[in-house]
Protein backbone atom coordinates (compact mmCIF):
# COMPACT_ATOMS: atom_id res chain seq x y z
CA MET A 1 -74.79 324.21 36.64
CA SER A 2 -71.69 322.67 35.15
CA ASP A 3 -70.46 321.59 38.61
CA SER A 4 -73.83 319.92 39.25
CA LYS A 5 -73.62 317.96 35.98
CA ASP A 6 -70.05 316.92 36.75
CA SER A 7 -71.14 315.69 40.19
CA ILE A 8 -74.01 313.64 38.72
CA SER A 9 -71.65 312.21 36.09
CA GLU A 10 -69.16 311.19 38.77
CA ASP A 11 -71.94 309.55 40.83
CA LEU A 12 -73.16 307.58 37.79
CA SER A 13 -69.63 306.55 36.95
CA ALA A 14 -69.10 305.24 40.48
CA ILE A 15 -72.37 303.26 40.36
CA ARG A 16 -71.45 301.80 36.96
CA ASN A 17 -68.08 300.74 38.34
CA GLU A 18 -69.90 298.95 41.17
CA ILE A 19 -72.15 297.24 38.62
CA ASP A 20 -69.07 296.12 36.68
CA GLU A 21 -67.59 294.63 39.84
CA VAL A 22 -70.85 292.80 40.61
CA ASP A 23 -71.01 291.50 37.02
CA VAL A 24 -67.51 290.06 37.33
CA LYS A 25 -68.50 288.27 40.54
CA LEU A 26 -71.74 287.00 38.97
CA ALA A 27 -69.92 285.63 35.92
CA THR A 28 -67.38 283.90 38.14
CA LEU A 29 -70.09 282.33 40.33
CA ILE A 30 -72.16 281.20 37.33
CA SER A 31 -69.10 279.57 35.80
CA LYS A 32 -68.39 277.86 39.11
CA ARG A 33 -71.99 276.61 39.28
CA ALA A 34 -71.70 275.22 35.74
CA SER A 35 -68.46 273.43 36.66
CA LEU A 36 -70.13 271.85 39.69
CA ALA A 37 -73.07 270.80 37.51
CA LYS A 38 -70.61 269.18 35.10
CA LYS A 39 -69.08 267.22 37.99
CA ILE A 40 -72.55 265.97 38.94
CA GLY A 41 -73.13 264.95 35.32
CA ASP A 42 -69.81 263.09 35.16
CA ALA A 43 -70.63 261.30 38.42
CA LYS A 44 -74.05 260.27 37.10
CA HIS A 45 -72.51 258.95 33.87
CA SER A 46 -69.87 256.91 35.69
CA ASP A 47 -72.47 255.42 38.05
CA ALA A 48 -75.13 254.78 35.43
CA GLY A 49 -74.12 251.34 34.17
CA SER A 50 -76.75 250.36 31.62
CA GLY A 51 -79.53 252.37 33.27
CA VAL A 52 -81.08 255.69 32.19
CA VAL A 53 -79.36 258.70 33.74
CA GLU A 54 -81.77 261.26 35.22
CA PHE A 55 -80.24 264.69 34.69
CA TYR A 56 -83.51 266.51 35.33
CA ARG A 57 -84.70 266.21 38.93
CA PRO A 58 -88.07 268.00 39.25
CA GLU A 59 -88.14 267.80 43.05
CA ARG A 60 -84.60 269.20 43.39
CA GLU A 61 -85.23 272.10 41.02
CA ALA A 62 -88.52 272.92 42.77
CA GLN A 63 -86.75 273.04 46.12
CA VAL A 64 -84.02 275.33 44.76
CA LEU A 65 -86.50 277.73 43.14
CA ARG A 66 -88.72 277.90 46.22
CA ALA A 67 -85.63 278.78 48.27
CA VAL A 68 -84.78 281.52 45.74
CA ALA A 69 -88.23 283.07 46.23
CA GLU A 70 -88.03 282.77 50.01
CA ARG A 71 -84.62 284.46 50.15
CA ASN A 72 -85.54 287.23 47.75
CA GLU A 73 -85.50 290.65 49.43
CA GLY A 74 -86.21 292.70 46.29
CA PRO A 75 -86.28 294.97 44.47
CA LEU A 76 -86.93 292.31 41.79
CA GLU A 77 -90.25 290.48 42.18
CA ASN A 78 -90.18 286.79 43.07
CA ASP A 79 -91.27 285.69 39.60
CA GLU A 80 -88.44 287.64 37.97
CA MET A 81 -85.86 286.25 40.39
CA VAL A 82 -87.13 282.71 39.86
CA ARG A 83 -87.06 283.19 36.07
CA LEU A 84 -83.41 284.29 36.18
CA PHE A 85 -82.37 281.33 38.33
CA ARG A 86 -84.36 278.94 36.18
CA GLU A 87 -82.37 280.05 33.13
CA ILE A 88 -79.08 279.58 34.99
CA MET A 89 -80.20 276.11 36.04
CA SER A 90 -81.30 275.35 32.48
CA ALA A 91 -77.91 276.31 31.06
CA CYS A 92 -76.09 274.28 33.73
CA ARG A 93 -78.34 271.27 33.10
CA ALA A 94 -77.63 271.46 29.37
CA TYR A 95 -73.92 271.43 30.23
CA GLU A 96 -74.52 268.10 32.01
CA GLU A 97 -76.65 266.65 29.19
CA PRO A 98 -78.88 268.21 26.47
CA LEU A 99 -82.58 267.69 27.21
CA LYS A 100 -85.26 267.18 24.53
CA VAL A 101 -88.81 268.21 25.38
CA GLY A 102 -91.77 267.61 23.07
CA TYR A 103 -94.71 270.02 23.03
CA LEU A 104 -97.91 270.73 21.16
CA GLY A 105 -96.70 272.88 18.27
CA PRO A 106 -96.13 274.51 15.95
CA GLU A 107 -93.76 277.26 17.04
CA GLY A 108 -95.42 280.16 18.79
CA THR A 109 -97.96 278.26 20.92
CA PHE A 110 -98.53 278.86 24.61
CA THR A 111 -97.35 275.28 25.13
CA GLN A 112 -93.95 276.28 23.77
CA SER A 113 -93.92 279.18 26.22
CA ALA A 114 -94.74 276.69 28.99
CA VAL A 115 -91.71 274.59 27.96
CA PHE A 116 -89.41 277.58 28.37
CA LYS A 117 -91.04 278.70 31.60
CA HIS A 118 -90.56 275.28 33.18
CA PHE A 119 -87.27 274.07 31.69
CA GLY A 120 -85.61 277.35 30.64
CA HIS A 121 -84.43 278.10 27.11
CA SER A 122 -81.44 275.73 27.11
CA VAL A 123 -83.50 272.74 26.01
CA GLY A 124 -84.21 271.10 22.67
CA ALA A 125 -87.88 272.05 22.23
CA MET A 126 -89.59 269.72 19.73
CA PRO A 127 -92.82 271.02 18.17
CA LEU A 128 -95.30 268.21 17.46
CA ALA A 129 -98.58 268.21 15.58
CA THR A 130 -100.92 266.71 18.19
CA ILE A 131 -101.18 265.90 21.89
CA GLU A 132 -101.10 262.22 20.88
CA ASP A 133 -97.77 262.80 19.12
CA VAL A 134 -96.31 264.33 22.30
CA PHE A 135 -97.22 261.21 24.26
CA HIS A 136 -95.84 258.89 21.57
CA GLU A 137 -92.52 260.73 21.20
CA VAL A 138 -91.92 260.55 24.94
CA GLU A 139 -92.98 256.91 25.05
CA ASN A 140 -90.53 255.91 22.31
CA GLY A 141 -87.66 257.96 23.74
CA ALA A 142 -87.38 260.58 20.98
CA ALA A 143 -88.11 263.16 23.70
CA ARG A 144 -87.21 262.74 27.36
CA PHE A 145 -90.22 264.78 28.51
CA GLY A 146 -93.33 266.33 27.03
CA ILE A 147 -95.59 269.24 27.95
CA VAL A 148 -99.33 269.13 27.23
CA PRO A 149 -102.22 271.43 28.21
CA ILE A 150 -104.63 269.99 30.76
CA GLU A 151 -107.05 272.75 31.81
CA ASN A 152 -107.91 276.41 31.45
CA SER A 153 -109.45 278.51 34.20
CA SER A 154 -112.09 279.86 31.79
CA ALA A 155 -112.72 277.07 29.26
CA GLY A 156 -112.24 274.00 31.45
CA MET A 157 -110.49 270.68 30.83
CA VAL A 158 -108.59 269.56 27.73
CA ASN A 159 -110.35 266.24 27.40
CA HIS A 160 -108.00 264.78 24.80
CA THR A 161 -105.11 265.01 27.26
CA LEU A 162 -107.16 263.22 29.92
CA ASP A 163 -108.10 260.48 27.47
CA MET A 164 -104.46 259.89 26.51
CA PHE A 165 -103.66 258.84 30.08
CA LEU A 166 -106.18 255.98 29.77
CA ALA A 167 -103.92 254.23 27.25
CA SER A 168 -100.46 255.61 28.08
CA SER A 169 -98.04 254.29 30.69
CA LEU A 170 -96.40 257.71 31.09
CA SER A 171 -96.40 259.54 34.40
CA ILE A 172 -96.95 263.15 35.39
CA CYS A 173 -93.74 264.61 36.82
CA GLY A 174 -94.50 268.33 36.90
CA GLU A 175 -96.97 271.10 36.20
CA VAL A 176 -96.77 274.63 34.78
CA GLU A 177 -99.24 277.48 35.10
CA MET A 178 -99.26 280.18 32.45
CA ARG A 179 -101.20 283.46 32.60
CA ILE A 180 -102.76 283.54 29.13
CA ARG A 181 -103.08 286.85 27.34
CA GLN A 182 -104.89 286.45 24.04
CA HIS A 183 -104.54 289.02 21.25
CA LEU A 184 -106.29 289.51 17.94
CA LEU A 185 -103.54 289.22 15.32
CA GLY A 186 -103.51 289.87 11.58
CA LYS A 187 -101.69 291.33 8.60
CA MET A 188 -104.36 294.02 8.25
CA LYS A 189 -104.23 297.18 10.35
CA ASP A 190 -107.91 297.62 11.15
CA PRO A 191 -110.00 295.01 13.00
CA LYS A 192 -112.95 296.05 10.81
CA ASP A 193 -111.25 294.23 7.92
CA VAL A 194 -111.40 290.87 9.70
CA LEU A 195 -113.71 288.40 7.93
CA ARG A 196 -112.77 285.26 9.85
CA VAL A 197 -110.96 284.38 13.07
CA CYS A 198 -108.85 281.21 13.30
CA ALA A 199 -107.81 279.77 16.67
CA HIS A 200 -107.78 276.67 18.83
CA PRO A 201 -111.28 275.91 20.19
CA GLN A 202 -110.04 276.67 23.72
CA ALA A 203 -108.92 280.15 22.63
CA LEU A 204 -112.23 280.81 20.88
CA ALA A 205 -114.02 279.78 24.07
CA GLN A 206 -111.80 282.02 26.20
CA CYS A 207 -112.70 285.02 24.01
CA ARG A 208 -116.34 284.16 23.30
CA ALA A 209 -117.91 287.30 24.79
CA TRP A 210 -115.37 289.66 23.18
CA LEU A 211 -115.86 288.08 19.75
CA ALA A 212 -119.64 288.28 20.05
CA GLU A 213 -119.49 291.96 20.93
CA SER A 214 -116.62 293.17 18.75
CA LEU A 215 -116.67 290.86 15.71
CA PRO A 216 -120.23 289.50 15.59
CA ASN A 217 -120.15 288.88 11.82
CA ALA A 218 -116.72 287.27 11.60
CA GLU A 219 -116.63 283.54 10.95
CA GLN A 220 -114.96 281.56 13.75
CA ILE A 221 -112.78 278.71 12.46
CA PRO A 222 -111.35 276.15 14.93
CA CYS A 223 -107.72 275.14 14.31
CA SER A 224 -105.40 272.53 15.77
CA SER A 225 -103.49 275.30 17.58
CA ASN A 226 -103.36 279.08 17.89
CA ALA A 227 -100.07 279.02 16.00
CA GLU A 228 -101.79 277.25 13.09
CA GLY A 229 -104.37 280.05 13.14
CA ALA A 230 -101.54 282.61 13.10
CA ARG A 231 -99.97 280.85 10.14
CA ARG A 232 -103.25 281.12 8.25
CA ALA A 233 -103.59 284.78 9.22
CA LYS A 234 -100.15 285.39 7.74
CA ASN A 235 -101.14 283.91 4.37
CA GLU A 236 -104.87 284.60 3.97
CA ALA A 237 -106.45 287.98 3.26
CA GLY A 238 -109.19 288.82 5.73
CA THR A 239 -108.09 286.17 8.24
CA ALA A 240 -107.13 287.05 11.79
CA ALA A 241 -105.92 284.81 14.59
CA ILE A 242 -106.19 284.65 18.36
CA ALA A 243 -102.79 284.01 19.91
CA GLY A 244 -100.09 285.45 22.15
CA ASP A 245 -97.05 287.67 21.74
CA SER A 246 -94.84 284.77 20.70
CA ALA A 247 -97.04 283.91 17.71
CA ALA A 248 -97.12 287.58 16.67
CA ASP A 249 -93.31 287.62 16.60
CA VAL A 250 -92.90 284.24 14.86
CA TYR A 251 -95.43 284.92 12.09
CA GLY A 252 -94.90 288.67 11.67
CA LEU A 253 -98.45 289.73 12.54
CA ASN A 254 -99.84 292.99 13.85
CA VAL A 255 -101.44 293.04 17.31
CA LEU A 256 -104.80 294.48 16.31
CA VAL A 257 -106.36 294.31 19.80
CA SER A 258 -104.57 293.24 22.97
CA ASN A 259 -105.91 291.14 25.85
CA ILE A 260 -109.24 290.08 24.36
CA GLU A 261 -109.73 287.15 26.77
CA ASP A 262 -113.00 287.40 28.69
CA SER A 263 -111.39 286.67 32.07
CA ARG A 264 -108.52 288.78 33.33
CA ASP A 265 -107.35 285.81 35.42
CA ASN A 266 -107.25 283.55 32.35
CA THR A 267 -104.69 280.86 33.18
CA THR A 268 -103.81 277.54 31.56
CA ARG A 269 -102.30 274.62 33.44
CA PHE A 270 -99.89 272.30 31.64
CA LEU A 271 -98.55 268.89 32.66
CA VAL A 272 -95.00 267.63 32.27
CA ILE A 273 -95.05 263.96 31.24
CA GLY A 274 -92.20 261.48 31.52
CA HIS A 275 -91.28 257.96 32.56
CA ARG A 276 -90.87 258.30 36.31
CA ILE A 277 -92.60 259.82 39.31
CA PRO A 278 -90.16 262.08 41.20
CA PRO A 279 -89.61 261.87 44.97
CA ALA A 280 -91.39 264.30 47.29
CA SER A 281 -90.30 267.94 47.11
CA GLY A 282 -92.12 269.18 50.20
CA ASP A 283 -95.03 270.87 48.40
CA ASP A 284 -96.57 268.40 45.99
CA LYS A 285 -99.71 267.33 44.18
CA THR A 286 -100.86 263.82 43.27
CA THR A 287 -103.05 262.91 40.31
CA LEU A 288 -104.81 259.55 40.08
CA ILE A 289 -107.42 257.81 37.98
CA ILE A 290 -110.08 255.55 39.50
CA SER A 291 -113.38 253.90 38.69
CA ALA A 292 -115.99 252.47 41.03
CA PRO A 293 -116.65 248.71 40.96
CA ASN A 294 -120.38 249.30 40.45
CA THR A 295 -121.54 252.75 39.38
CA ASP A 296 -125.18 251.69 39.87
CA ASP A 297 -124.73 251.56 43.65
CA ALA A 298 -125.87 254.76 45.33
CA GLY A 299 -123.00 256.58 46.99
CA SER A 300 -120.28 254.28 45.60
CA LEU A 301 -117.99 257.15 44.63
CA HIS A 302 -118.55 258.88 47.96
CA LYS A 303 -117.60 255.72 49.83
CA MET A 304 -114.41 255.35 47.77
CA LEU A 305 -113.30 258.92 48.51
CA LYS A 306 -113.94 258.81 52.28
CA PRO A 307 -110.26 257.95 53.06
CA PHE A 308 -109.24 261.43 51.86
CA ALA A 309 -111.45 263.15 54.42
CA SER A 310 -110.41 260.69 57.13
CA SER A 311 -106.71 261.42 56.45
CA ASN A 312 -107.28 265.21 56.20
CA ILE A 313 -106.28 265.28 52.51
CA ASN A 314 -107.56 268.10 50.35
CA MET A 315 -109.04 267.01 47.01
CA THR A 316 -108.57 269.92 44.59
CA ARG A 317 -110.15 268.52 41.42
CA ILE A 318 -112.32 265.65 40.18
CA GLU A 319 -113.23 265.12 36.53
CA SER A 320 -115.17 262.29 34.90
CA ARG A 321 -114.49 260.84 31.44
CA PRO A 322 -115.98 257.90 29.51
CA SER A 323 -113.86 254.80 30.14
CA HIS A 324 -114.18 253.65 26.49
CA ARG A 325 -114.70 250.15 27.87
CA ARG A 326 -118.48 250.03 27.82
CA LYS A 327 -121.27 252.54 27.41
CA TRP A 328 -122.16 254.76 30.35
CA HIS A 329 -119.08 253.65 32.26
CA TYR A 330 -116.87 256.43 33.58
CA VAL A 331 -113.48 256.92 35.16
CA PHE A 332 -112.55 259.77 37.48
CA PHE A 333 -109.41 261.89 37.36
CA ILE A 334 -108.59 263.29 40.79
CA ASP A 335 -106.04 265.78 42.09
CA ILE A 336 -105.11 265.85 45.78
CA ASP A 337 -102.60 267.80 47.85
CA GLY A 338 -99.54 265.84 48.94
CA HIS A 339 -97.16 263.21 47.57
CA ALA A 340 -97.96 259.51 47.24
CA ASP A 341 -95.01 258.78 49.57
CA ASP A 342 -96.40 260.99 52.36
CA ALA A 343 -97.60 258.74 55.18
CA ASN A 344 -101.19 260.03 55.27
CA VAL A 345 -101.51 260.02 51.46
CA CYS A 346 -100.00 256.54 51.19
CA GLU A 347 -102.48 255.19 53.74
CA ALA A 348 -105.47 256.82 52.05
CA LEU A 349 -104.44 255.59 48.59
CA ALA A 350 -104.07 252.02 49.88
CA LYS A 351 -107.65 252.11 51.21
CA LEU A 352 -108.92 253.65 47.97
CA GLU A 353 -107.15 251.05 45.83
CA SER A 354 -108.76 248.20 47.80
CA SER A 355 -112.26 249.46 46.94
CA ALA A 356 -111.73 250.64 43.35
CA GLN A 357 -112.18 248.68 40.15
CA LEU A 358 -109.54 250.76 38.39
CA PHE A 359 -106.80 252.52 40.34
CA ARG A 360 -103.60 254.17 39.09
CA VAL A 361 -101.45 256.97 40.42
CA LEU A 362 -100.66 259.04 37.33
CA GLY A 363 -98.10 261.15 39.15
CA SER A 364 -96.90 262.87 42.29
CA TYR A 365 -95.04 266.04 41.44
CA PRO A 366 -94.04 269.52 42.68
CA LYS A 367 -96.78 272.11 42.52
CA ALA A 368 -96.35 274.86 39.93
CA ILE A 369 -93.93 277.57 41.00
CA LEU A 370 -94.92 281.16 40.18
């Protein structure tokens, strides 16, 4: 028995020695990557003149991360491998130049988690009170980029984000998809003690059936964010919140019930906003806003969109919003596959622009990665 234990111990020791050797190589390679990133940063600075230096290249990072997933042979899953490389890239990018990213706060929101998923943790994440504030801080240069929610697979569009694009000159330069797991959080230990539930209206909508069945008598109070609801739950007796793991950690709340969202595929899509549209990455999406010259004409929208079918372009989403110009006048937000610089997309957009009253490409950007 003793010989067997000694043999196992020797085997483990040998494996640990191999791990140590791999760790040394990894550390050396990561340091080398950071040094190369610093050289790129120095070259950009020296060549910048009076212009703005672009240290974050969405199309380049998307290409690198897709290649990571394609090369991955396991045993780690693709999403784990991509997450590790994203953090390495984030640290190297910060070595070139610190990056400030505004998001819909406060701390502990899913939007903050989207910032870290997309940019990694080596960024200056700026919590802001409203979606409007995120747009304004990027517009005035206080933040280089912003992240705002745009739609949820269960509760639909975030209309305020859509409306902001009507007045803003900012572009969409990326997207993030987050699997949303909503929990009932509170200082109490028993869900029976919950008198009211505070959460963002989207979160309340995502958990509507669960709340009706499990807490039918609890008052539902809409808040500006789930994190604001968690903050109230921390300070108010009888108040619970709907939020994620991050909010539970930040505000010191108990997870009373896990995964209370009605849909098990509950996912929120976020947009990265900035000042420029990135070049094509090879697997892109384009978002545009249009309005028909005369909405009283039968089939006017159908006629405008015909170039997409003619050019074999897939339209993945269309959403109407009041134009705020005159009553009963609407604009349409449209997502299509492809980049505005792709030949077939460019041709179709030119035809669409010639027939539209309002036409603007809001962004062409890499599709969300894992």
